[in-house]
PDB file of N, CA and C in Angstrom:
ATOM      1  N   MET A   1      61.493 112.700  66.507  1.00  0.00           N
ATOM      2  CA  MET A   1      61.359 112.557  65.449  1.00  0.00           C
ATOM      3  C   MET A   1      61.856 111.453  64.800  1.00  0.00           C
ATOM      4  N   LEU A   2      60.819 111.163  63.598  1.00  0.00           N
ATOM      5  CA  LEU A   2      61.341 109.174  63.122  1.00  0.00           C
ATOM      6  C   LEU A   2      62.398 109.417  62.502  1.00  0.00           C
ATOM      7  N   CYS A   3      62.984 108.288  62.790  1.00  0.00           N
ATOM      8  CA  CYS A   3      64.325 107.681  61.854  1.00  0.00           C
ATOM      9  C   CYS A   3      64.161 106.542  61.153  1.00  0.00           C
ATOM     10  N   LEU A   4      64.222 106.628  60.247  1.00  0.00           N
ATOM     11  CA  LEU A   4      64.378 105.589  59.403  1.00  0.00           C
ATOM     12  C   LEU A   4      65.717 105.121  58.389  1.00  0.00           C
ATOM     13  N   THR A   5      65.704 104.013  58.121  1.00  0.00           N
ATOM     14  CA  THR A   5      66.910 103.367  57.168  1.00  0.00           C
ATOM     15  C   THR A   5      66.015 103.267  55.645  1.00  0.00           C
ATOM     16  N   ARG A   6      66.674 103.530  54.846  1.00  0.00           N
ATOM     17  CA  ARG A   6      66.434 103.573  53.457  1.00  0.00           C
ATOM     18  C   ARG A   6      67.509 102.917  52.686  1.00  0.00           C
ATOM     19  N   ARG A   7      67.165 102.549  51.473  1.00  0.00           N
ATOM     20  CA  ARG A   7      68.271 102.109  50.687  1.00  0.00           C
ATOM     21  C   ARG A   7      68.002 103.119  49.086  1.00  0.00           C
ATOM     22  N   ILE A   8      69.198 102.665  48.373  1.00  0.00           N
ATOM     23  CA  ILE A   8      68.896 103.475  46.997  1.00  0.00           C
ATOM     24  C   ILE A   8      67.734 103.197  46.226  1.00  0.00           C
ATOM     25  N   GLY A   9      66.440 103.546  46.409  1.00  0.00           N
ATOM     26  CA  GLY A   9      65.608 103.577  45.691  1.00  0.00           C
ATOM     27  C   GLY A   9      64.127 103.394  46.359  1.00  0.00           C
ATOM     28  N   GLU A  10      64.368 103.322  47.495  1.00  0.00           N
ATOM     29  CA  GLU A  10      63.348 103.300  48.334  1.00  0.00           C
ATOM     30  C   GLU A  10      62.821 104.648  48.687  1.00  0.00           C
ATOM     31  N   ARG A  11      61.759 104.624  49.081  1.00  0.00           N
ATOM     32  CA  ARG A  11      60.738 105.906  49.468  1.00  0.00           C
ATOM     33  C   ARG A  11      60.192 106.024  50.896  1.00  0.00           C
ATOM     34  N   ILE A  12      60.205 107.682  51.124  1.00  0.00           N
ATOM     35  CA  ILE A  12      59.050 107.710  52.360  1.00  0.00           C
ATOM     36  C   ILE A  12      57.979 108.632  51.350  1.00  0.00           C
ATOM     37  N   VAL A  13      56.662 108.614  51.894  1.00  0.00           N
ATOM     38  CA  VAL A  13      55.562 108.806  51.561  1.00  0.00           C
ATOM     39  C   VAL A  13      54.885 109.746  53.325  1.00  0.00           C
ATOM     40  N   ILE A  14      55.001 111.094  52.874  1.00  0.00           N
ATOM     41  CA  ILE A  14      54.841 111.966  53.845  1.00  0.00           C
ATOM     42  C   ILE A  14      53.393 112.432  53.671  1.00  0.00           C
ATOM     43  N   GLY A  15      51.904 112.407  54.495  1.00  0.00           N
ATOM     44  CA  GLY A  15      50.701 112.464  53.658  1.00  0.00           C
ATOM     45  C   GLY A  15      50.429 112.455  53.080  1.00  0.00           C
ATOM     46  N   ASP A  16      49.490 112.638  51.916  1.00  0.00           N
ATOM     47  CA  ASP A  16      48.840 112.119  51.204  1.00  0.00           C
ATOM     48  C   ASP A  16      49.706 112.783  49.445  1.00  0.00           C
ATOM     49  N   GLY A  17      50.435 113.419  49.883  1.00  0.00           N
ATOM     50  CA  GLY A  17      51.044 113.991  48.308  1.00  0.00           C
ATOM     51  C   GLY A  17      52.392 114.151  48.215  1.00  0.00           C
ATOM     52  N   ILE A  18      53.133 114.169  48.680  1.00  0.00           N
ATOM     53  CA  ILE A  18      54.799 114.227  49.099  1.00  0.00           C
ATOM     54  C   ILE A  18      55.552 113.080  49.746  1.00  0.00           C
ATOM     55  N   THR A  19      56.598 112.729  48.746  1.00  0.00           N
ATOM     56  CA  THR A  19      57.056 111.781  48.471  1.00  0.00           C
ATOM     57  C   THR A  19      58.646 111.976  48.579  1.00  0.00           C
ATOM     58  N   VAL A  20      59.276 111.596  49.582  1.00  0.00           N
ATOM     59  CA  VAL A  20      61.246 111.568  49.361  1.00  0.00           C
ATOM     60  C   VAL A  20      61.767 109.908  48.895  1.00  0.00           C
ATOM     61  N   GLN A  21      62.433 110.573  47.840  1.00  0.00           N
ATOM     62  CA  GLN A  21      63.234 108.980  47.285  1.00  0.00           C
ATOM     63  C   GLN A  21      64.633 109.037  47.429  1.00  0.00           C
ATOM     64  N   VAL A  22      65.193 108.268  47.992  1.00  0.00           N
ATOM     65  CA  VAL A  22      67.233 108.106  48.464  1.00  0.00           C
ATOM     66  C   VAL A  22      66.993 107.555  46.269  1.00  0.00           C
ATOM     67  N   LEU A  23      68.158 108.990  46.092  1.00  0.00           N
ATOM     68  CA  LEU A  23      68.479 108.853  44.468  1.00  0.00           C
ATOM     69  C   LEU A  23      69.994 108.382  44.758  1.00  0.00           C
ATOM     70  N   GLN A  24      70.634 108.774  45.487  1.00  0.00           N
ATOM     71  CA  GLN A  24      72.438 108.138  45.152  1.00  0.00           C
ATOM     72  C   GLN A  24      72.911 108.136  46.872  1.00  0.00           C
ATOM     73  N   ILE A  25      73.596 107.193  47.158  1.00  0.00           N
ATOM     74  CA  ILE A  25      74.764 107.528  48.198  1.00  0.00           C
ATOM     75  C   ILE A  25      75.984 106.943  47.666  1.00  0.00           C
ATOM     76  N   THR A  26      76.933 108.446  48.246  1.00  0.00           N
ATOM     77  CA  THR A  26      77.966 108.277  47.794  1.00  0.00           C
ATOM     78  C   THR A  26      79.440 109.027  48.772  1.00  0.00           C
ATOM     79  N   GLY A  27      79.752 107.515  49.862  1.00  0.00           N
ATOM     80  CA  GLY A  27      80.307 108.312  50.860  1.00  0.00           C
ATOM     81  C   GLY A  27      79.394 108.715  52.169  1.00  0.00           C
ATOM     82  N   GLY A  28      79.779 109.477  52.752  1.00  0.00           N
ATOM     83  CA  GLY A  28      78.870 110.519  53.482  1.00  0.00           C
ATOM     84  C   GLY A  28      77.437 111.314  52.882  1.00  0.00           C
ATOM     85  N   ILE A  29      77.677 111.385  51.448  1.00  0.00           N
ATOM     86  CA  ILE A  29      76.083 111.916  50.951  1.00  0.00           C
ATOM     87  C   ILE A  29      75.524 111.502  50.813  1.00  0.00           C
ATOM     88  N   VAL A  30      74.113 112.008  50.602  1.00  0.00           N
ATOM     89  CA  VAL A  30      73.221 111.441  49.959  1.00  0.00           C
ATOM     90  C   VAL A  30      71.599 112.111  49.143  1.00  0.00           C
ATOM     91  N   ARG A  31      71.910 111.972  47.962  1.00  0.00           N
ATOM     92  CA  ARG A  31      71.038 112.810  47.180  1.00  0.00           C
ATOM     93  C   ARG A  31      69.472 112.078  47.259  1.00  0.00           C
ATOM     94  N   LEU A  32      68.484 112.999  47.772  1.00  0.00           N
ATOM     95  CA  LEU A  32      67.351 112.491  47.742  1.00  0.00           C
ATOM     96  C   LEU A  32      66.519 113.599  46.584  1.00  0.00           C
ATOM     97  N   GLY A  33      65.506 112.848  46.240  1.00  0.00           N
ATOM     98  CA  GLY A  33      64.680 113.564  45.303  1.00  0.00           C
ATOM     99  C   GLY A  33      63.165 113.760  46.127  1.00  0.00           C
ATOM    100  N   VAL A  34      62.683 114.808  46.023  1.00  0.00           N
ATOM    101  CA  VAL A  34      61.649 115.007  46.707  1.00  0.00           C
ATOM    102  C   VAL A  34      60.370 115.853  46.165  1.00  0.00           C
ATOM    103  N   VAL A  35      59.163 114.467  45.916  1.00  0.00           N
ATOM    104  CA  VAL A  35      57.776 114.829  44.684  1.00  0.00           C
ATOM    105  C   VAL A  35      56.898 115.618  45.811  1.00  0.00           C
ATOM    106  N   ALA A  36      56.698 116.550  45.288  1.00  0.00           N
ATOM    107  CA  ALA A  36      55.338 117.372  46.375  1.00  0.00           C
ATOM    108  C   ALA A  36      54.372 117.975  45.330  1.00  0.00           C
ATOM    109  N   PRO A  37      52.891 118.308  46.095  1.00  0.00           N
ATOM    110  CA  PRO A  37      52.295 119.160  44.972  1.00  0.00           C
ATOM    111  C   PRO A  37      52.821 120.598  44.586  1.00  0.00           C
ATOM    112  N   ALA A  38      52.576 121.318  43.571  1.00  0.00           N
ATOM    113  CA  ALA A  38      53.081 122.514  42.995  1.00  0.00           C
ATOM    114  C   ALA A  38      52.783 123.598  44.519  1.00  0.00           C
ATOM    115  N   GLY A  39      51.951 123.827  45.288  1.00  0.00           N
ATOM    116  CA  GLY A  39      51.728 124.414  46.440  1.00  0.00           C
ATOM    117  C   GLY A  39      52.656 124.539  47.634  1.00  0.00           C
ATOM    118  N   VAL A  40      53.299 123.217  47.870  1.00  0.00           N
ATOM    119  CA  VAL A  40      54.060 122.912  48.885  1.00  0.00           C
ATOM    120  C   VAL A  40      55.918 123.277  48.094  1.00  0.00           C
ATOM    121  N   PRO A  41      55.917 124.355  49.196  1.00  0.00           N
ATOM    122  CA  PRO A  41      57.199 124.982  49.263  1.00  0.00           C
ATOM    123  C   PRO A  41      58.291 124.004  49.496  1.00  0.00           C
ATOM    124  N   VAL A  42      59.261 123.601  48.766  1.00  0.00           N
ATOM    125  CA  VAL A  42      60.367 122.557  49.285  1.00  0.00           C
ATOM    126  C   VAL A  42      61.844 123.209  49.047  1.00  0.00           C
ATOM    127  N   ASP A  43      62.444 123.258  50.026  1.00  0.00           N
ATOM    128  CA  ASP A  43      63.597 123.828  50.216  1.00  0.00           C
ATOM    129  C   ASP A  43      64.555 123.475  51.036  1.00  0.00           C
ATOM    130  N   ARG A  44      66.178 123.645  50.778  1.00  0.00           N
ATOM    131  CA  ARG A  44      67.043 122.866  51.959  1.00  0.00           C
ATOM    132  C   ARG A  44      66.761 124.163  53.636  1.00  0.00           C
ATOM    133  N   GLU A  45      67.219 123.612  54.507  1.00  0.00           N
ATOM    134  CA  GLU A  45      66.915 124.629  55.587  1.00  0.00           C
ATOM    135  C   GLU A  45      67.582 125.963  55.291  1.00  0.00           C
ATOM    136  N   GLU A  46      68.805 125.904  54.886  1.00  0.00           N
ATOM    137  CA  GLU A  46      69.364 127.284  55.154  1.00  0.00           C
ATOM    138  C   GLU A  46      69.259 128.181  53.963  1.00  0.00           C
ATOM    139  N   ILE A  47      68.358 127.636  53.100  1.00  0.00           N
ATOM    140  CA  ILE A  47      67.592 128.378  52.228  1.00  0.00           C
ATOM    141  C   ILE A  47      66.721 128.911  52.307  1.00  0.00           C
ATOM    142  N   ARG A  48      65.351 128.336  53.500  1.00  0.00           N
ATOM    143  CA  ARG A  48      64.091 128.564  53.893  1.00  0.00           C
ATOM    144  C   ARG A  48      65.421 129.674  54.886  1.00  0.00           C
ATOM    145  N   LYS A  49      65.326 129.485  56.109  1.00  0.00           N
ATOM    146  CA  LYS A  49      65.791 130.174  56.777  1.00  0.00           C
ATOM    147  C   LYS A  49      66.161 131.947  56.108  1.00  0.00           C
ATOM    148  N   ARG A  50      67.143 131.756  55.003  1.00  0.00           N
ATOM    149  CA  ARG A  50      67.154 133.389  54.346  1.00  0.00           C
ATOM    150  C   ARG A  50      66.470 133.888  53.636  1.00  0.00           C
ATOM    151  N   LYS A  51      64.999 132.726  53.245  1.00  0.00           N
ATOM    152  CA  LYS A  51      63.861 133.292  52.516  1.00  0.00           C
ATOM    153  C   LYS A  51      62.886 133.736  54.004  1.00  0.00           C
ATOM    154  N   ASN A  52      62.822 133.711  54.861  1.00  0.00           N
ATOM    155  CA  ASN A  52      62.174 133.828  55.790  1.00  0.00           C
ATOM    156  C   ASN A  52      62.373 135.440  56.546  1.00  0.00           C
ATOM    157  N   LYS A  53      63.919 135.684  56.111  1.00  0.00           N
ATOM    158  CA  LYS A  53      65.450 136.680  56.972  1.00  0.00           C
ATOM    159  C   LYS A  53      64.566 137.902  56.157  1.00  0.00           C
ATOM    160  N   GLU A  54      64.722 137.793  54.850  1.00  0.00           N
ATOM    161  CA  GLU A  54      64.444 138.390  53.382  1.00  0.00           C
ATOM    162  C   GLU A  54      62.982 138.989  53.723  1.00  0.00           C
ATOM    163  N   PRO A  55      63.393 140.834  53.683  1.00  0.00           N
ATOM    164  CA  PRO A  55      62.208 141.840  54.064  1.00  0.00           C
ATOM    165  C   PRO A  55      61.172 141.714  52.336  1.00  0.00           C
ATOM    166  N   ARG A  56      59.828 141.335  52.359  1.00  0.00           N
ATOM    167  CA  ARG A  56      59.261 141.068  51.461  1.00  0.00           C
ATOM    168  C   ARG A  56      58.215 142.134  50.613  1.00  0.00           C
ATOM    169  N   HIS A  57      59.315 142.642  49.910  1.00  0.00           N
ATOM    170  CA  HIS A  57      58.920 144.275  49.160  1.00  0.00           C
ATOM    171  C   HIS A  57      57.146 144.185  48.609  1.00  0.00           C
ATOM    172  N   GLY A  58      56.144 144.778  49.074  1.00  0.00           N
ATOM    173  CA  GLY A  58      55.162 144.782  47.941  1.00  0.00           C
ATOM    174  C   GLY A  58      54.511 143.688  48.183  1.00  0.00           C
ATOM    175  N   LEU A  59      54.413 143.413  49.655  1.00  0.00           N
ATOM    176  CA  LEU A  59      53.265 142.398  50.111  1.00  0.00           C
ATOM    177  C   LEU A  59      52.359 142.863  51.478  1.00  0.00           C
TER     178      LEU A  59
END
C-alpha cells in the first residue's frame, strides 16, 4: 500500500485517467473528489460490497 500525505487542493494521479483531489479536511473527516473515465466505476467500499452481493437479474 502506498501512503501519501496531501493538503487541500493537492491531487493524486492514478494511471492515465483517474485523479483524486483533497477537497476539504474537517476534524477527522477528509472529503475527496474523484475524476475517472465514464467506464470506470467509482464507489465507496461498502457500496461496492453491497452491489457485488445483489443478484443481477436479466444478465
